[in-house]
Amino acid sequence: MYRTVLLAYDGTREGRLALREGALLAKRFRSNVVLLAVVEASFMPVAVDTGVAYVPNDQSEEYRLVLDEGSERLKKLGLTHSVNMQVGDPVTCIVNAAKEAQADLVVIGHHKSGWLARWLHESVASALIESLDCSVLLGRMEISDDDLFRSDE
């Protein structure tokens, strides 16, 4: 059913829940797995003689550690996978990675936000549902180690 599963992973509690749920599905369907981390481009203010300049805040090393952590979790499950890190808008990067991988399923974590944030910005989940041609799973389920590491064969 799912030949290729793209797991968007950010290392948060919500991301870990989604990773476990997506990994369990990938294991059951013997899917190819792509682990993706998206580094949002951000700028850090720096004082200079003429005022304040904004320079890129490089978070790639932090996200490399996040990817390494996610990769280790997938290895413990016996899942072979590829790893991908992109810099930019999360929706654009996830959509591009899903198309490139020909993903049948994209799994993301759910981060709750207040009403003002929802009013000001479209959620990543909503934007992905509108932009992707494949299924999207908002992983929130608590999955026990017994269920995760159980052999289905």
N, C-alpha and C. Protein backbone atom coordinates (compact mmCIF):
# COMPACT_ATOMS: atom_id res chain seq x y z
N MET A 1 0.82 -1.19 0.00
CA MET A 1 0.00 0.00 0.00
C MET A 1 0.86 1.25 0.00
N TYR A 2 1.84 1.35 0.92
CA TYR A 2 2.74 2.48 0.96
C TYR A 2 4.12 1.99 0.54
N ARG A 3 4.51 2.28 -0.69
CA ARG A 3 5.82 1.86 -1.18
C ARG A 3 6.94 2.72 -0.60
N THR A 4 6.66 4.03 -0.48
CA THR A 4 7.66 4.96 0.06
C THR A 4 7.01 5.88 1.08
N VAL A 5 7.61 5.95 2.26
CA VAL A 5 7.11 6.79 3.34
C VAL A 5 8.15 7.86 3.64
N LEU A 6 7.73 9.11 3.61
CA LEU A 6 8.59 10.23 3.97
C LEU A 6 8.27 10.63 5.41
N LEU A 7 9.28 10.57 6.28
CA LEU A 7 9.11 10.94 7.68
C LEU A 7 9.76 12.30 7.89
N ALA A 8 8.95 13.33 8.08
CA ALA A 8 9.48 14.66 8.39
C ALA A 8 9.74 14.70 9.89
N TYR A 9 10.97 14.92 10.28
CA TYR A 9 11.37 14.76 11.67
C TYR A 9 12.11 15.99 12.17
N ASP A 10 11.71 16.46 13.36
CA ASP A 10 12.35 17.65 13.93
C ASP A 10 12.93 17.41 15.32
N GLY A 11 12.83 16.21 15.84
CA GLY A 11 13.42 15.89 17.14
C GLY A 11 12.58 16.26 18.35
N THR A 12 11.44 16.92 18.15
CA THR A 12 10.57 17.27 19.27
C THR A 12 9.79 16.05 19.73
N ARG A 13 9.08 16.19 20.85
CA ARG A 13 8.23 15.10 21.34
C ARG A 13 7.20 14.72 20.27
N GLU A 14 6.58 15.72 19.66
CA GLU A 14 5.60 15.46 18.61
C GLU A 14 6.24 14.78 17.41
N GLY A 15 7.46 15.20 17.09
CA GLY A 15 8.19 14.57 15.99
C GLY A 15 8.54 13.12 16.29
N ARG A 16 8.87 12.84 17.54
CA ARG A 16 9.20 11.46 17.93
C ARG A 16 7.97 10.55 17.87
N LEU A 17 6.82 11.09 18.28
CA LEU A 17 5.58 10.31 18.17
C LEU A 17 5.29 9.98 16.71
N ALA A 18 5.43 10.99 15.85
CA ALA A 18 5.17 10.79 14.42
C ALA A 18 6.17 9.82 13.81
N LEU A 19 7.43 9.92 14.23
CA LEU A 19 8.45 9.01 13.71
C LEU A 19 8.12 7.57 14.07
N ARG A 20 7.71 7.32 15.30
CA ARG A 20 7.37 5.96 15.73
C ARG A 20 6.17 5.44 14.94
N GLU A 21 5.15 6.28 14.79
CA GLU A 21 3.95 5.84 14.07
C GLU A 21 4.26 5.58 12.59
N GLY A 22 5.00 6.50 11.98
CA GLY A 22 5.38 6.33 10.57
C GLY A 22 6.28 5.13 10.37
N ALA A 23 7.23 4.94 11.30
CA ALA A 23 8.15 3.80 11.20
C ALA A 23 7.39 2.48 11.33
N LEU A 24 6.40 2.43 12.21
CA LEU A 24 5.61 1.22 12.38
C LEU A 24 4.86 0.89 11.08
N LEU A 25 4.27 1.89 10.47
CA LEU A 25 3.59 1.67 9.18
C LEU A 25 4.58 1.21 8.11
N ALA A 26 5.72 1.87 8.03
CA ALA A 26 6.73 1.51 7.04
C ALA A 26 7.20 0.08 7.24
N LYS A 27 7.36 -0.31 8.50
CA LYS A 27 7.79 -1.68 8.82
C LYS A 27 6.74 -2.69 8.39
N ARG A 28 5.48 -2.40 8.70
CA ARG A 28 4.40 -3.34 8.35
C ARG A 28 4.20 -3.47 6.85
N PHE A 29 4.41 -2.36 6.11
CA PHE A 29 4.21 -2.40 4.66
C PHE A 29 5.50 -2.63 3.89
N ARG A 30 6.62 -2.79 4.63
CA ARG A 30 7.94 -2.98 4.02
C ARG A 30 8.24 -1.85 3.02
N SER A 31 7.99 -0.65 3.47
CA SER A 31 8.15 0.54 2.62
C SER A 31 9.60 1.02 2.60
N ASN A 32 9.93 1.72 1.53
CA ASN A 32 11.16 2.50 1.52
C ASN A 32 10.91 3.69 2.44
N VAL A 33 11.94 4.13 3.14
CA VAL A 33 11.77 5.22 4.10
C VAL A 33 12.77 6.34 3.77
N VAL A 34 12.25 7.56 3.78
CA VAL A 34 13.08 8.75 3.65
C VAL A 34 12.88 9.57 4.92
N LEU A 35 13.97 9.86 5.61
CA LEU A 35 13.93 10.68 6.82
C LEU A 35 14.36 12.09 6.43
N LEU A 36 13.50 13.06 6.69
CA LEU A 36 13.74 14.44 6.27
C LEU A 36 13.73 15.39 7.46
N ALA A 37 14.71 16.27 7.51
CA ALA A 37 14.70 17.39 8.46
C ALA A 37 14.77 18.66 7.65
N VAL A 38 13.97 19.64 8.05
CA VAL A 38 13.95 20.92 7.35
C VAL A 38 14.47 22.00 8.29
N VAL A 39 15.52 22.66 7.86
CA VAL A 39 16.08 23.78 8.60
C VAL A 39 15.43 25.04 8.06
N GLU A 40 14.64 25.69 8.89
CA GLU A 40 14.02 26.94 8.45
C GLU A 40 15.09 28.02 8.40
N ALA A 41 15.11 28.73 7.28
CA ALA A 41 16.06 29.83 7.14
C ALA A 41 15.69 30.92 8.13
N SER A 42 16.62 31.29 8.98
CA SER A 42 16.36 32.35 9.95
C SER A 42 17.56 33.30 9.97
N PHE A 43 17.31 34.49 10.46
CA PHE A 43 18.36 35.49 10.50
C PHE A 43 18.52 36.00 11.92
N MET A 44 19.77 36.25 12.29
CA MET A 44 20.10 36.67 13.64
C MET A 44 20.59 38.12 13.59
N PRO A 45 20.05 38.99 14.46
CA PRO A 45 20.52 40.38 14.45
C PRO A 45 21.93 40.50 15.03
N VAL A 46 22.74 41.31 14.39
CA VAL A 46 24.11 41.54 14.83
C VAL A 46 24.36 43.05 14.80
N ALA A 47 24.90 43.60 15.89
CA ALA A 47 25.19 45.04 15.94
C ALA A 47 26.43 45.33 15.11
N VAL A 48 26.32 46.35 14.26
CA VAL A 48 27.45 46.83 13.46
C VAL A 48 27.52 48.34 13.63
N ASP A 49 28.59 48.97 13.13
CA ASP A 49 28.78 50.42 13.29
C ASP A 49 27.60 51.24 12.78
N THR A 50 26.98 50.78 11.73
CA THR A 50 25.90 51.56 11.12
C THR A 50 24.52 51.18 11.61
N GLY A 51 24.42 50.30 12.59
CA GLY A 51 23.11 49.89 13.11
C GLY A 51 23.08 48.40 13.37
N VAL A 52 22.04 47.78 12.85
CA VAL A 52 21.86 46.34 13.05
C VAL A 52 21.81 45.65 11.69
N ALA A 53 22.59 44.62 11.55
CA ALA A 53 22.56 43.81 10.32
C ALA A 53 21.99 42.45 10.69
N TYR A 54 21.38 41.80 9.73
CA TYR A 54 20.83 40.47 9.94
C TYR A 54 21.65 39.48 9.12
N VAL A 55 22.21 38.52 9.82
CA VAL A 55 23.03 37.51 9.15
C VAL A 55 22.35 36.15 9.30
N PRO A 56 22.57 35.28 8.35
CA PRO A 56 21.95 33.95 8.45
C PRO A 56 22.38 33.22 9.71
N ASN A 57 21.41 32.62 10.37
CA ASN A 57 21.66 31.83 11.57
C ASN A 57 21.73 30.37 11.13
N ASP A 58 22.93 29.83 11.01
CA ASP A 58 23.11 28.47 10.49
C ASP A 58 22.82 27.45 11.58
N GLN A 59 21.73 26.71 11.40
CA GLN A 59 21.32 25.69 12.36
C GLN A 59 21.56 24.28 11.82
N SER A 60 22.35 24.18 10.73
CA SER A 60 22.50 22.87 10.10
C SER A 60 23.12 21.83 11.01
N GLU A 61 24.05 22.24 11.87
CA GLU A 61 24.68 21.25 12.76
C GLU A 61 23.66 20.70 13.76
N GLU A 62 22.79 21.56 14.28
CA GLU A 62 21.74 21.10 15.20
C GLU A 62 20.82 20.11 14.50
N TYR A 63 20.45 20.42 13.27
CA TYR A 63 19.54 19.53 12.56
C TYR A 63 20.24 18.25 12.11
N ARG A 64 21.55 18.32 11.88
CA ARG A 64 22.30 17.10 11.56
C ARG A 64 22.23 16.14 12.75
N LEU A 65 22.32 16.68 13.97
CA LEU A 65 22.20 15.86 15.17
C LEU A 65 20.79 15.28 15.30
N VAL A 66 19.79 16.07 14.96
CA VAL A 66 18.39 15.60 14.97
C VAL A 66 18.23 14.45 13.98
N LEU A 67 18.79 14.62 12.78
CA LEU A 67 18.72 13.54 11.79
C LEU A 67 19.44 12.28 12.25
N ASP A 68 20.60 12.46 12.86
CA ASP A 68 21.34 11.31 13.37
C ASP A 68 20.53 10.56 14.41
N GLU A 69 19.86 11.31 15.31
CA GLU A 69 19.01 10.69 16.33
C GLU A 69 17.87 9.90 15.68
N GLY A 70 17.19 10.52 14.73
CA GLY A 70 16.09 9.84 14.03
C GLY A 70 16.57 8.62 13.27
N SER A 71 17.72 8.75 12.65
CA SER A 71 18.30 7.64 11.90
C SER A 71 18.61 6.46 12.81
N GLU A 72 19.15 6.74 13.99
CA GLU A 72 19.44 5.68 14.96
C GLU A 72 18.16 4.97 15.39
N ARG A 73 17.09 5.74 15.59
CA ARG A 73 15.80 5.14 15.97
C ARG A 73 15.31 4.20 14.87
N LEU A 74 15.46 4.61 13.63
CA LEU A 74 15.01 3.76 12.52
C LEU A 74 15.88 2.51 12.38
N LYS A 75 17.18 2.65 12.60
CA LYS A 75 18.08 1.50 12.53
C LYS A 75 17.71 0.46 13.59
N LYS A 76 17.34 0.92 14.79
CA LYS A 76 16.94 0.00 15.87
C LYS A 76 15.71 -0.82 15.47
N LEU A 77 14.91 -0.25 14.57
CA LEU A 77 13.72 -0.95 14.08
C LEU A 77 14.04 -1.85 12.89
N GLY A 78 15.27 -1.79 12.44
CA GLY A 78 15.67 -2.60 11.29
C GLY A 78 15.23 -2.00 9.96
N LEU A 79 14.95 -0.69 9.95
CA LEU A 79 14.50 -0.03 8.72
C LEU A 79 15.69 0.61 8.00
N THR A 80 15.91 0.19 6.77
CA THR A 80 16.89 0.89 5.96
C THR A 80 16.21 2.15 5.45
N HIS A 81 16.96 3.20 5.32
CA HIS A 81 16.36 4.48 4.97
C HIS A 81 17.42 5.41 4.39
N SER A 82 16.94 6.43 3.71
CA SER A 82 17.83 7.50 3.27
C SER A 82 17.55 8.72 4.13
N VAL A 83 18.53 9.59 4.20
CA VAL A 83 18.44 10.78 5.04
C VAL A 83 18.57 12.01 4.15
N ASN A 84 17.75 13.01 4.45
CA ASN A 84 17.70 14.21 3.62
C ASN A 84 17.56 15.42 4.54
N MET A 85 18.38 16.44 4.33
CA MET A 85 18.23 17.69 5.08
C MET A 85 18.12 18.82 4.06
N GLN A 86 17.10 19.66 4.25
CA GLN A 86 16.90 20.79 3.35
C GLN A 86 16.76 22.06 4.16
N VAL A 87 17.09 23.18 3.53
CA VAL A 87 16.97 24.49 4.16
C VAL A 87 15.91 25.28 3.42
N GLY A 88 14.95 25.83 4.19
CA GLY A 88 13.93 26.66 3.58
C GLY A 88 12.60 26.53 4.28
N ASP A 89 11.56 26.88 3.57
CA ASP A 89 10.19 26.80 4.08
C ASP A 89 9.80 25.34 4.26
N PRO A 90 9.31 24.95 5.44
CA PRO A 90 8.99 23.53 5.67
C PRO A 90 8.02 22.95 4.65
N VAL A 91 6.97 23.66 4.31
CA VAL A 91 5.98 23.12 3.37
C VAL A 91 6.62 22.88 2.01
N THR A 92 7.34 23.87 1.51
CA THR A 92 7.98 23.74 0.19
C THR A 92 8.98 22.59 0.19
N CYS A 93 9.79 22.51 1.25
CA CYS A 93 10.81 21.45 1.31
C CYS A 93 10.18 20.07 1.42
N ILE A 94 9.14 19.92 2.23
CA ILE A 94 8.49 18.62 2.38
C ILE A 94 7.82 18.20 1.08
N VAL A 95 7.14 19.14 0.42
CA VAL A 95 6.49 18.83 -0.86
C VAL A 95 7.53 18.41 -1.90
N ASN A 96 8.62 19.16 -2.00
CA ASN A 96 9.67 18.82 -2.98
C ASN A 96 10.30 17.46 -2.67
N ALA A 97 10.58 17.20 -1.40
CA ALA A 97 11.19 15.92 -1.02
C ALA A 97 10.23 14.76 -1.29
N ALA A 98 8.95 14.96 -1.02
CA ALA A 98 7.95 13.91 -1.26
C ALA A 98 7.85 13.60 -2.75
N LYS A 99 7.85 14.63 -3.58
CA LYS A 99 7.79 14.42 -5.03
C LYS A 99 9.05 13.72 -5.53
N GLU A 100 10.20 14.16 -5.04
CA GLU A 100 11.46 13.56 -5.46
C GLU A 100 11.52 12.07 -5.07
N ALA A 101 11.03 11.74 -3.89
CA ALA A 101 11.06 10.36 -3.41
C ALA A 101 9.89 9.53 -3.93
N GLN A 102 8.95 10.18 -4.61
CA GLN A 102 7.71 9.53 -5.06
C GLN A 102 7.00 8.88 -3.87
N ALA A 103 6.88 9.66 -2.79
CA ALA A 103 6.27 9.16 -1.56
C ALA A 103 4.78 8.92 -1.73
N ASP A 104 4.32 7.84 -1.12
CA ASP A 104 2.89 7.52 -1.07
C ASP A 104 2.28 8.06 0.22
N LEU A 105 3.14 8.31 1.21
CA LEU A 105 2.69 8.78 2.52
C LEU A 105 3.74 9.72 3.10
N VAL A 106 3.27 10.85 3.62
CA VAL A 106 4.13 11.79 4.34
C VAL A 106 3.63 11.81 5.78
N VAL A 107 4.55 11.62 6.72
CA VAL A 107 4.19 11.61 8.14
C VAL A 107 4.85 12.81 8.81
N ILE A 108 4.02 13.59 9.52
CA ILE A 108 4.51 14.75 10.25
C ILE A 108 3.96 14.72 11.67
N GLY A 109 4.60 15.44 12.56
CA GLY A 109 4.09 15.59 13.92
C GLY A 109 3.15 16.77 13.99
N HIS A 110 2.33 16.79 15.03
CA HIS A 110 1.37 17.88 15.21
C HIS A 110 1.82 18.76 16.36
N HIS A 111 2.05 20.02 16.05
CA HIS A 111 2.42 21.00 17.07
C HIS A 111 1.22 21.91 17.30
N LYS A 112 0.68 21.87 18.50
CA LYS A 112 -0.48 22.71 18.81
C LYS A 112 -0.07 24.18 18.80
N SER A 113 -1.01 25.02 18.36
CA SER A 113 -0.76 26.46 18.38
C SER A 113 -2.02 27.17 18.84
N GLY A 114 -1.84 28.36 19.32
CA GLY A 114 -2.97 29.16 19.80
C GLY A 114 -3.79 29.72 18.65
N TRP A 115 -4.91 30.31 19.01
CA TRP A 115 -5.82 30.82 17.99
C TRP A 115 -5.19 31.94 17.18
N LEU A 116 -4.35 32.78 17.80
CA LEU A 116 -3.74 33.88 17.07
C LEU A 116 -2.76 33.35 16.02
N ALA A 117 -1.96 32.39 16.40
CA ALA A 117 -1.01 31.79 15.45
C ALA A 117 -1.76 31.12 14.30
N ARG A 118 -2.86 30.43 14.62
CA ARG A 118 -3.66 29.79 13.56
C ARG A 118 -4.28 30.83 12.64
N TRP A 119 -4.66 31.96 13.20
CA TRP A 119 -5.29 33.01 12.41
C TRP A 119 -4.26 33.69 11.50
N LEU A 120 -3.04 33.88 12.02
CA LEU A 120 -2.00 34.58 11.26
C LEU A 120 -1.34 33.70 10.21
N HIS A 121 -1.20 32.41 10.51
CA HIS A 121 -0.45 31.52 9.61
C HIS A 121 -1.22 30.23 9.38
N GLU A 122 -1.23 29.80 8.14
CA GLU A 122 -1.81 28.49 7.82
C GLU A 122 -0.91 27.42 8.43
N SER A 123 -1.52 26.38 8.95
CA SER A 123 -0.72 25.31 9.54
C SER A 123 0.03 24.56 8.45
N VAL A 124 1.15 23.98 8.84
CA VAL A 124 1.95 23.17 7.92
C VAL A 124 1.10 22.01 7.42
N ALA A 125 0.35 21.37 8.32
CA ALA A 125 -0.48 20.23 7.94
C ALA A 125 -1.50 20.63 6.87
N SER A 126 -2.19 21.73 7.08
CA SER A 126 -3.19 22.19 6.10
C SER A 126 -2.55 22.48 4.75
N ALA A 127 -1.41 23.16 4.78
CA ALA A 127 -0.72 23.49 3.54
C ALA A 127 -0.25 22.23 2.81
N LEU A 128 0.22 21.23 3.57
CA LEU A 128 0.67 19.98 2.94
C LEU A 128 -0.49 19.22 2.32
N ILE A 129 -1.61 19.19 3.02
CA ILE A 129 -2.78 18.49 2.48
C ILE A 129 -3.21 19.10 1.15
N GLU A 130 -3.13 20.42 1.07
CA GLU A 130 -3.51 21.12 -0.17
C GLU A 130 -2.47 20.94 -1.27
N SER A 131 -1.20 20.75 -0.90
CA SER A 131 -0.11 20.76 -1.88
C SER A 131 0.35 19.39 -2.35
N LEU A 132 0.14 18.35 -1.55
CA LEU A 132 0.66 17.03 -1.89
C LEU A 132 -0.35 16.19 -2.67
N ASP A 133 0.18 15.29 -3.49
CA ASP A 133 -0.67 14.35 -4.23
C ASP A 133 -0.72 12.98 -3.55
N CYS A 134 -0.18 12.89 -2.34
CA CYS A 134 -0.17 11.62 -1.63
C CYS A 134 -0.86 11.80 -0.27
N SER A 135 -0.96 10.72 0.47
CA SER A 135 -1.59 10.77 1.80
C SER A 135 -0.68 11.47 2.80
N VAL A 136 -1.30 12.10 3.79
CA VAL A 136 -0.58 12.78 4.87
C VAL A 136 -1.09 12.23 6.20
N LEU A 137 -0.16 11.84 7.05
CA LEU A 137 -0.52 11.34 8.37
C LEU A 137 0.05 12.29 9.41
N LEU A 138 -0.83 12.80 10.27
CA LEU A 138 -0.43 13.61 11.40
C LEU A 138 -0.25 12.65 12.57
N GLY A 139 0.99 12.23 12.81
CA GLY A 139 1.25 11.21 13.82
C GLY A 139 1.15 11.77 15.22
N ARG A 140 0.24 11.21 16.01
CA ARG A 140 0.06 11.65 17.39
C ARG A 140 -0.09 10.47 18.35
N MET A 141 -0.14 9.28 17.82
CA MET A 141 -0.43 8.10 18.62
C MET A 141 0.77 7.68 19.45
N GLU A 142 0.53 7.36 20.71
CA GLU A 142 1.57 6.79 21.56
C GLU A 142 1.69 5.31 21.20
N ILE A 143 2.86 4.89 20.79
CA ILE A 143 3.08 3.50 20.41
C ILE A 143 4.11 2.91 21.36
N SER A 144 3.74 1.82 22.00
CA SER A 144 4.63 1.19 22.97
C SER A 144 5.80 0.51 22.27
N ASP A 145 6.88 0.31 23.02
CA ASP A 145 8.03 -0.42 22.48
C ASP A 145 7.63 -1.83 22.08
N ASP A 146 6.72 -2.46 22.84
CA ASP A 146 6.27 -3.81 22.51
C ASP A 146 5.64 -3.84 21.12
N ASP A 147 4.78 -2.87 20.84
CA ASP A 147 4.15 -2.81 19.52
C ASP A 147 5.16 -2.45 18.44
N LEU A 148 6.07 -1.54 18.77
CA LEU A 148 7.02 -1.05 17.79
C LEU A 148 8.03 -2.11 17.38
N PHE A 149 8.49 -2.89 18.35
CA PHE A 149 9.55 -3.86 18.08
C PHE A 149 9.04 -5.29 17.86
N ARG A 150 7.70 -5.46 17.90
CA ARG A 150 7.12 -6.78 17.68
C ARG A 150 7.40 -7.23 16.23
N SER A 151 7.74 -8.48 16.08
CA SER A 151 7.95 -9.02 14.74
C SER A 151 6.62 -9.43 14.14
N ASP A 152 6.32 -8.93 12.95
CA ASP A 152 5.06 -9.25 12.28
C ASP A 152 5.17 -10.49 11.42
N GLU A 153 6.35 -11.07 11.37
CA GLU A 153 6.53 -12.21 10.47
C GLU A 153 6.29 -13.52 11.15
